[in-house]
Structure formats: structure tokens, C-alpha cells
Amino acid sequence: MGSSQDSGLQWPISVRLDTIAAMLNFEIHNHPVYQGIEVQYFDDAEHGTGILVLMSRRENGKVDVYHQAGLSIDRMAYGIGAGLGEWRTTKIEPAVLDVTDTGVRARIALRDTTGRSIEISVDDRGGKPQRSAEFLAPVGAAIEQPTALMLVWMRRFNLVRRTSIDPVVRIDGVPVTLGRLPGAWLHRRHLIKYASGLWVVNVNPPDSDGRREAGRPEAAHARLHFSAEPPAPGTLSHGDERKGKWSLSIGEHADVISGEWVCTGGEVATLTLTVTRGWRPRGLPPLMRVVTTVLPVFRRWPTTYLWEARVDLRGTPEVAAEWRRTKRAGESLYTRVTSSR
């Protein structure tokens, strides 16, 4: 059996990092067409400057994407929910998403593919700076057919405060009911999430070229760490097996998630990565600490992911790799608690 050291064949292990300047999202309760909306704002040399709006459909879970002209966006980065629906460049006016230390202001208006008007108005800015937190968004909990393990690290995350200005979301001119957190009389927050300084980390994406690290300005980085390097394809004899551990760090946070790897030799060599420990929140404000404790989906969803790579060494060796979900992550409990369906 030939050695991969001769052919240069390697396992496609890598991490890719992307950035989003700001986002705002919410769930919609009991609407016949949509079950959630997210607004993203980009402002960098790679993407350009502008607004992108994601709208999740109730009937099939697919996500429609609308973005302003001039933005350069990779469609492969939006394999969320049950996959992509519509993808449109469209007029969004007004197109405002401004996150500051004192709150958030959003004013968005567009039309969907059927001509329905979508209007979003949120403003909770005040004179007192708000306490934000670093937070791992449970985006991957709803992805049905993952192409990567996507982790969205929100460096400054918060919930919209209840003020004298109520948020307004209208679809086709009709106000919609938003998801909510129980106990609003006490915590005084809407279930409208916003953040700035987002890092989108994809572990072992399908276009991996073997890079182990992705870095950007402002100290943005994510890295994979292995207790021992998995043997390259073809270096283990038939029946041999090696095991080890791995973890992912994001920015200054080590071991955001961690897991185990198993590599087996033979005519068909395999490498499997499992996630055995999800996110462990630290330093959260009281409300967020309660939410992530009561709703385990925030912490455990990464443990429902498994990556397997295989290579048949009997012919021209080529690595085939895929992510898959091993179980659901408990997002139905989140839906029941927040009444977002």
C-alpha cells in the first residue's frame, strides 16, 4: 500500500473565518409565511458596505436572502435552516442597522419576491451604556444538512430593552407578533437579539485546502488544536487505529468546543471527528445565564455534529468528506418557551 507521504494526500482539515459588522434577528409567532427574520450589516473591503436580510419560511424552513447591490456575498456561507430558497439583489430603503454602546437602531424596508412589504423599526438607544456579552449563536442547531460546522461568535451581544418606543415589524402592512421570553415584567427585554463584531467560523468546509487557521485584521482568528496529529491517509496498516482529542479556539477563548478523533487504516482509510463537549458560557449577564441554563440547545447543539472523511487507496486516492447531524439539538424546547411558532 502506498504512503500518502509519497502522494502528498492529506485529510481536508481546516477552519475558515468570516466577519459580519452587525446583526439583528427575531422569531415571528403564528405568521402564515415567515417564522423569523435576520438583518446583517457588512462594512469591510471584502464584502463591501450594505444590508442583507434573511427570511425563514414556515412551510419548509428554507431561508430567502435579499441583499443590496454592491455587496459581495458567498452563497455557500448561507447553508442554514433547511437550505437556501430565494437569493435576490433588491432595493432596501431605508437600510439602517446601527449598534452602539447605548443600544441599537434598525430601520429596514423591502419587498419579498411576491411583493409583500417588509418593514422593521427598532430603537432602544439610551444614555446609559448597555452591558453586552460574548455569545455563541445556536445557528447550527437548525441546519438540517450541514456542509460545515458553523459557529457564529458574537463579540458584543445583547437583547433589545423595553422602552417607550416599541419595536414594530410589519409584513404586508400588518403588524406581526414576535417571539418572547417569559418574565418580561422583570427582565424588561424583548426577544430581539442584536450584536456587533461577529466572527463566523466554519470548521472543515467543503472547499477546504488543508489550512489550519484563518486570520483577519483586529486580531480575528480561529484555530483547531489536536492532542496528536491524525495520521495521514495510507500511513496506517490494515486494522490499525489511532485516537486523539481536538478543540477549537476563537479569538482569546480556548476550547470553545472540543471532541475526539478516530483514524483507521486499511484499503479504505477513515478519519472521524466528533464533538463531545459543547459551549460552556462564562461571564454572561444574569438573564442570558438563566436562558442558556434553562434552554440547553445553546450549549449542546455542537455535540449533534459528526465529520467523517474516507479515502479508497486501491485506485487513484481521493478524499471524500462530509458533516452530518447525529440527532436534534433540543430547539423545539426553545420554540415552545418563546412561543415562536
Protein backbone atom coordinates (compact mmCIF):
# COMPACT_ATOMS: atom_id res chain seq x y z
CA MET A 1 0.00 0.00 0.00
CA GLY A 2 1.42 3.37 -1.00
CA SER A 3 2.06 6.06 1.58
CA SER A 4 0.37 9.43 1.48
CA GLN A 5 3.77 10.85 2.28
CA ASP A 6 4.65 9.94 -1.32
CA SER A 7 1.43 11.29 -2.84
CA GLY A 8 1.05 14.31 -0.60
CA LEU A 9 -2.50 13.27 0.25
CA GLN A 10 -3.82 14.86 3.46
CA TRP A 11 -7.08 14.97 5.37
CA PRO A 12 -9.06 18.14 4.48
CA ILE A 13 -8.89 19.66 7.97
CA SER A 14 -9.22 23.42 8.10
CA VAL A 15 -11.03 26.35 9.64
CA ARG A 16 -12.33 29.37 7.76
CA LEU A 17 -13.26 32.67 9.38
CA ASP A 18 -15.56 35.38 8.05
CA THR A 19 -16.79 38.62 9.63
CA ILE A 20 -20.11 40.48 9.90
CA ALA A 21 -20.19 44.03 11.26
CA ALA A 22 -23.60 43.78 12.97
CA MET A 23 -26.80 41.76 13.06
CA LEU A 24 -30.34 41.87 14.47
CA ASN A 25 -32.80 38.96 14.49
CA PHE A 26 -36.07 37.74 15.94
CA GLU A 27 -38.60 34.93 15.70
CA ILE A 28 -42.15 35.53 14.43
CA HIS A 29 -45.13 33.90 16.14
CA ASN A 30 -48.02 32.39 14.20
CA HIS A 31 -47.44 34.02 10.81
CA PRO A 32 -48.60 32.01 7.76
CA VAL A 33 -45.46 32.64 5.69
CA TYR A 34 -42.44 33.57 7.82
CA GLN A 35 -41.08 32.31 11.12
CA GLY A 36 -38.04 34.54 11.55
CA ILE A 37 -36.00 37.41 10.12
CA GLU A 38 -32.36 38.39 10.47
CA VAL A 39 -30.74 41.62 9.31
CA GLN A 40 -26.98 41.66 8.71
CA TYR A 41 -24.77 44.69 8.09
CA PHE A 42 -21.41 44.45 6.31
CA ASP A 43 -18.75 47.12 6.18
CA ASP A 44 -15.35 45.82 5.03
CA ALA A 45 -13.15 45.62 1.97
CA GLU A 46 -14.07 42.01 1.15
CA HIS A 47 -17.88 42.26 1.30
CA GLY A 48 -18.43 45.95 0.70
CA THR A 49 -20.91 48.05 2.67
CA GLY A 50 -24.59 47.29 2.90
CA ILE A 51 -27.52 45.34 4.30
CA LEU A 52 -28.54 41.70 3.83
CA VAL A 53 -31.88 40.31 5.07
CA LEU A 54 -32.61 36.63 5.72
CA MET A 55 -36.22 35.46 5.95
CA SER A 56 -37.02 31.96 7.18
CA ARG A 57 -40.13 30.35 5.68
CA ARG A 58 -42.54 28.47 7.92
CA GLU A 59 -43.72 25.88 5.40
CA ASN A 60 -40.34 24.33 4.62
CA GLY A 61 -37.69 26.03 6.77
CA LYS A 62 -35.85 27.40 3.73
CA VAL A 63 -34.21 30.79 4.01
CA ASP A 64 -34.72 33.55 1.44
CA VAL A 65 -31.87 36.05 1.16
CA TYR A 66 -32.23 39.64 -0.04
CA HIS A 67 -29.23 41.97 -0.25
CA GLN A 68 -28.33 45.38 -1.53
CA ALA A 69 -26.49 45.84 -4.79
CA GLY A 70 -22.74 46.20 -4.37
CA LEU A 71 -22.35 43.57 -1.65
CA SER A 72 -20.07 40.63 -2.44
CA ILE A 73 -21.53 37.65 -0.58
CA ASP A 74 -20.64 33.95 -0.80
CA ARG A 75 -23.85 31.92 -1.19
CA MET A 76 -22.05 28.85 0.20
CA ALA A 77 -21.87 30.61 3.56
CA TYR A 78 -25.67 30.59 3.89
CA GLY A 79 -26.47 26.87 4.06
CA ILE A 80 -28.63 27.41 7.13
CA GLY A 81 -32.02 26.07 8.20
CA ALA A 82 -33.36 23.71 5.54
CA GLY A 83 -31.19 25.39 2.90
CA LEU A 84 -31.47 28.41 0.62
CA GLY A 85 -34.70 29.49 -1.02
CA GLU A 86 -34.69 32.75 -2.99
CA TRP A 87 -31.48 34.72 -3.46
CA ARG A 88 -32.13 38.25 -4.68
CA THR A 89 -30.38 41.56 -5.11
CA THR A 90 -33.04 44.13 -4.26
CA LYS A 91 -33.76 47.66 -3.13
CA ILE A 92 -33.69 48.05 0.66
CA GLU A 93 -34.67 51.56 1.72
CA PRO A 94 -34.29 52.63 4.43
CA ALA A 95 -31.35 50.35 5.23
CA VAL A 96 -30.12 51.20 8.72
CA LEU A 97 -28.61 48.91 11.35
CA ASP A 98 -26.58 50.81 13.90
CA VAL A 99 -25.28 49.11 17.06
CA THR A 100 -23.68 51.31 19.73
CA ASP A 101 -22.79 51.03 23.41
CA THR A 102 -26.18 52.53 24.31
CA GLY A 103 -28.36 50.26 22.17
CA VAL A 104 -29.45 49.51 18.61
CA ARG A 105 -31.35 51.32 15.88
CA ALA A 106 -32.75 49.45 12.89
CA ARG A 107 -34.90 50.79 10.08
CA ILE A 108 -35.38 48.36 7.21
CA ALA A 109 -37.91 48.25 4.36
CA LEU A 110 -38.02 45.96 1.32
CA ARG A 111 -40.38 43.76 -0.69
CA ASP A 112 -40.17 39.99 -0.94
CA THR A 113 -40.47 38.03 -4.19
CA THR A 114 -44.28 38.13 -4.10
CA GLY A 115 -44.38 41.89 -3.49
CA ARG A 116 -45.15 41.77 0.24
CA SER A 117 -43.75 44.79 2.06
CA ILE A 118 -41.39 44.02 4.96
CA GLU A 119 -40.89 46.82 7.49
CA ILE A 120 -38.70 46.70 10.61
CA SER A 121 -38.30 49.53 13.12
CA VAL A 122 -36.34 49.03 16.35
CA ASP A 123 -34.76 51.69 18.57
CA ASP A 124 -33.77 51.15 22.20
CA ARG A 125 -30.93 53.64 22.40
CA GLY A 126 -30.49 55.46 25.67
CA GLY A 127 -27.92 57.48 27.54
CA LYS A 128 -26.71 54.61 29.70
CA PRO A 129 -24.21 52.15 28.16
CA GLN A 130 -25.57 48.60 27.93
CA ARG A 131 -23.72 45.57 29.22
CA SER A 132 -23.05 43.27 26.28
CA ALA A 133 -21.62 39.75 26.31
CA GLU A 134 -19.67 37.38 24.12
CA PHE A 135 -22.10 34.74 22.92
CA LEU A 136 -22.13 31.67 20.67
CA ALA A 137 -25.23 31.82 18.46
CA PRO A 138 -27.05 28.48 18.08
CA VAL A 139 -27.26 28.87 14.28
CA GLY A 140 -26.09 25.31 13.71
CA ALA A 141 -28.94 23.85 15.78
CA ALA A 142 -31.39 24.44 12.91
CA ILE A 143 -29.19 23.38 9.98
CA GLU A 144 -30.59 20.15 8.57
CA GLN A 145 -27.90 19.27 6.03
CA PRO A 146 -24.65 20.89 7.14
CA THR A 147 -21.73 21.40 4.78
CA ALA A 148 -19.53 22.62 7.65
CA LEU A 149 -19.64 23.05 11.41
CA MET A 150 -20.65 26.73 11.58
CA LEU A 151 -20.05 28.65 14.79
CA VAL A 152 -21.11 32.29 14.95
CA TRP A 153 -19.20 34.03 17.73
CA MET A 154 -20.85 37.33 18.65
CA ARG A 155 -18.34 39.51 20.43
CA ARG A 156 -20.87 42.12 21.62
CA PHE A 157 -24.31 40.55 22.05
CA ASN A 158 -27.42 41.92 23.72
CA LEU A 159 -31.23 41.90 23.81
CA VAL A 160 -33.35 44.92 22.92
CA ARG A 161 -34.56 46.79 26.02
CA ARG A 162 -38.19 47.64 26.65
CA THR A 163 -38.51 51.43 26.34
CA SER A 164 -41.19 53.94 25.42
CA ILE A 165 -40.50 53.13 21.76
CA ASP A 166 -41.99 49.72 20.90
CA PRO A 167 -40.40 47.67 18.11
CA VAL A 168 -42.59 47.43 15.02
CA VAL A 169 -42.43 44.67 12.41
CA ARG A 170 -45.00 44.69 9.61
CA ILE A 171 -45.46 42.19 6.80
CA ASP A 172 -47.74 43.35 4.01
CA GLY A 173 -48.74 46.25 6.23
CA VAL A 174 -49.92 44.03 9.11
CA PRO A 175 -48.04 44.08 12.47
CA VAL A 176 -46.72 40.63 13.41
CA THR A 177 -46.29 39.04 16.83
CA LEU A 178 -42.69 38.40 17.82
CA GLY A 179 -41.30 35.62 19.97
CA ARG A 180 -40.92 36.50 23.62
CA LEU A 181 -39.12 35.46 26.77
CA PRO A 182 -41.23 34.69 29.85
CA GLY A 183 -40.95 37.17 32.72
CA ALA A 184 -40.68 40.33 30.62
CA TRP A 185 -42.13 42.36 33.53
CA LEU A 186 -38.95 41.51 35.43
CA HIS A 187 -36.13 41.48 32.87
CA ARG A 188 -37.59 44.25 30.66
CA ARG A 189 -36.22 42.82 27.42
CA HIS A 190 -37.69 41.95 24.04
CA LEU A 191 -36.65 38.70 22.40
CA ILE A 192 -34.91 40.68 19.69
CA LYS A 193 -31.23 39.84 19.55
CA TYR A 194 -28.53 42.14 18.25
CA ALA A 195 -24.76 42.08 18.11
CA SER A 196 -21.72 43.70 16.57
CA GLY A 197 -18.30 42.31 15.75
CA LEU A 198 -19.40 38.82 14.62
CA TRP A 199 -16.91 36.13 13.65
CA VAL A 200 -18.34 33.30 11.54
CA VAL A 201 -16.18 30.19 11.90
CA ASN A 202 -16.59 27.19 9.59
CA VAL A 203 -14.77 24.00 10.57
CA ASN A 204 -13.82 21.69 7.69
CA PRO A 205 -15.84 23.48 4.98
CA PRO A 206 -16.32 21.64 1.66
CA ASP A 207 -13.74 23.76 -0.19
CA SER A 208 -11.06 23.05 2.40
CA ASP A 209 -7.49 23.18 1.16
CA GLY A 210 -5.91 21.94 4.37
CA ARG A 211 -5.39 25.31 6.06
CA ARG A 212 -5.46 25.06 9.83
CA GLU A 213 -6.00 28.69 10.61
CA ALA A 214 -7.78 31.71 9.26
CA GLY A 215 -6.90 35.20 10.39
CA ARG A 216 -8.08 38.73 9.72
CA PRO A 217 -7.28 42.22 10.98
CA GLU A 218 -8.25 43.23 14.51
CA ALA A 219 -6.95 40.01 15.97
CA ALA A 220 -9.77 37.95 14.42
CA HIS A 221 -8.68 34.34 14.39
CA ALA A 222 -9.86 30.79 14.93
CA ARG A 223 -7.67 27.72 15.33
CA LEU A 224 -8.01 23.96 15.54
CA HIS A 225 -5.83 22.20 18.12
CA PHE A 226 -5.02 18.47 18.17
CA SER A 227 -3.55 16.49 21.05
CA ALA A 228 -1.75 14.47 18.39
CA GLU A 229 -1.92 14.88 14.64
CA PRO A 230 -4.19 12.34 12.91
CA PRO A 231 -2.07 10.03 10.71
CA ALA A 232 -2.23 10.95 7.03
CA PRO A 233 -4.19 8.62 4.72
CA GLY A 234 -2.21 5.49 3.87
CA THR A 235 0.21 5.65 6.80
CA LEU A 236 -1.70 3.15 8.97
CA SER A 237 -1.71 -0.58 8.25
CA HIS A 238 -4.94 -2.52 7.81
CA GLY A 239 -6.74 -2.81 11.14
CA ASP A 240 -4.64 -0.18 12.87
CA GLU A 241 -6.45 2.59 14.72
CA ARG A 242 -5.34 5.83 16.32
CA LYS A 243 -7.34 8.12 18.62
CA GLY A 244 -6.90 11.61 19.97
CA LYS A 245 -8.60 14.80 21.03
CA TRP A 246 -9.20 18.11 19.30
CA SER A 247 -10.58 21.53 20.20
CA LEU A 248 -11.41 24.88 18.63
CA SER A 249 -10.33 28.28 19.93
CA ILE A 250 -11.94 31.53 18.78
CA GLY A 251 -10.08 34.74 19.50
CA GLU A 252 -8.78 34.57 23.05
CA HIS A 253 -11.24 31.84 24.04
CA ALA A 254 -9.66 28.38 24.17
CA ASP A 255 -11.69 25.19 23.85
CA VAL A 256 -14.93 26.84 22.76
CA ILE A 257 -15.90 23.33 21.71
CA SER A 258 -13.90 20.11 21.85
CA GLY A 259 -14.11 16.50 20.79
CA GLU A 260 -12.36 13.31 19.78
CA TRP A 261 -10.94 11.94 16.55
CA VAL A 262 -10.51 8.35 15.39
CA CYS A 263 -8.37 7.33 12.41
CA THR A 264 -8.40 3.79 10.93
CA GLY A 265 -6.14 2.20 8.34
CA GLY A 266 -6.90 -0.21 5.52
CA GLU A 267 -7.73 -0.18 1.83
CA VAL A 268 -10.35 2.41 2.77
CA ALA A 269 -8.87 4.74 5.39
CA THR A 270 -11.17 6.89 7.53
CA LEU A 271 -10.93 9.83 9.90
CA THR A 272 -13.88 10.76 12.13
CA LEU A 273 -14.24 13.90 14.25
CA THR A 274 -16.97 14.01 16.89
CA VAL A 275 -17.90 16.93 19.15
CA THR A 276 -18.14 15.66 22.72
CA ARG A 277 -18.35 18.97 24.59
CA GLY A 278 -20.33 21.99 23.52
CA TRP A 279 -20.04 25.61 24.55
CA ARG A 280 -19.65 26.48 28.24
CA PRO A 281 -20.91 30.05 28.70
CA ARG A 282 -18.92 32.24 31.07
CA GLY A 283 -19.34 35.79 32.28
CA LEU A 284 -22.88 36.27 30.99
CA PRO A 285 -25.34 38.81 32.42
CA PRO A 286 -27.97 37.21 34.70
CA LEU A 287 -30.76 36.95 32.11
CA MET A 288 -28.53 35.33 29.48
CA ARG A 289 -27.12 32.98 32.10
CA VAL A 290 -30.64 31.83 33.01
CA VAL A 291 -31.64 31.38 29.36
CA THR A 292 -28.59 29.29 28.47
CA THR A 293 -29.11 27.16 31.57
CA VAL A 294 -32.84 26.54 31.10
CA LEU A 295 -32.53 26.01 27.34
CA PRO A 296 -29.64 23.56 26.78
CA VAL A 297 -29.76 23.98 22.99
CA PHE A 298 -27.44 26.97 23.39
CA ARG A 299 -24.75 24.78 24.94
CA ARG A 300 -25.25 21.33 23.48
CA TRP A 301 -26.06 21.80 19.81
CA PRO A 302 -22.44 21.31 18.58
CA THR A 303 -22.46 17.78 20.07
CA THR A 304 -25.01 16.77 17.42
CA TYR A 305 -22.38 17.13 14.66
CA LEU A 306 -20.04 14.47 13.25
CA TRP A 307 -17.48 14.74 10.44
CA GLU A 308 -16.19 11.75 8.51
CA ALA A 309 -13.55 11.61 5.79
CA ARG A 310 -12.86 8.49 3.71
CA VAL A 311 -10.30 7.65 1.05
CA ASP A 312 -10.15 4.50 -1.09
CA LEU A 313 -6.45 3.77 -1.54
CA ARG A 314 -6.91 0.98 -4.08
CA GLY A 315 -7.17 3.31 -7.03
CA THR A 316 -6.41 6.95 -7.55
CA PRO A 317 -6.83 8.17 -3.98
CA GLU A 318 -9.31 10.97 -3.41
CA VAL A 319 -10.71 12.08 -0.08
CA ALA A 320 -14.50 12.31 0.33
CA ALA A 321 -15.66 14.10 3.47
CA GLU A 322 -18.99 15.21 4.93
CA TRP A 323 -20.65 16.59 8.04
CA ARG A 324 -23.89 15.12 9.32
CA ARG A 325 -26.23 15.59 12.24
CA THR A 326 -26.46 12.67 14.67
CA LYS A 327 -29.58 13.94 16.48
CA ARG A 328 -31.66 17.05 17.06
CA ALA A 329 -30.35 19.68 19.46
CA GLY A 330 -33.47 20.46 21.51
CA GLU A 331 -34.52 23.54 19.55
CA SER A 332 -38.19 22.51 19.93
CA LEU A 333 -38.00 23.40 23.64
CA TYR A 334 -36.74 26.87 22.70
CA THR A 335 -39.69 27.22 20.31
CA ARG A 336 -42.21 26.24 22.98
CA VAL A 337 -40.75 28.55 25.61
CA THR A 338 -40.57 31.56 23.31
CA SER A 339 -43.87 30.84 21.52
CA SER A 340 -42.20 31.48 18.16
CA ARG A 341 -44.39 29.03 16.22
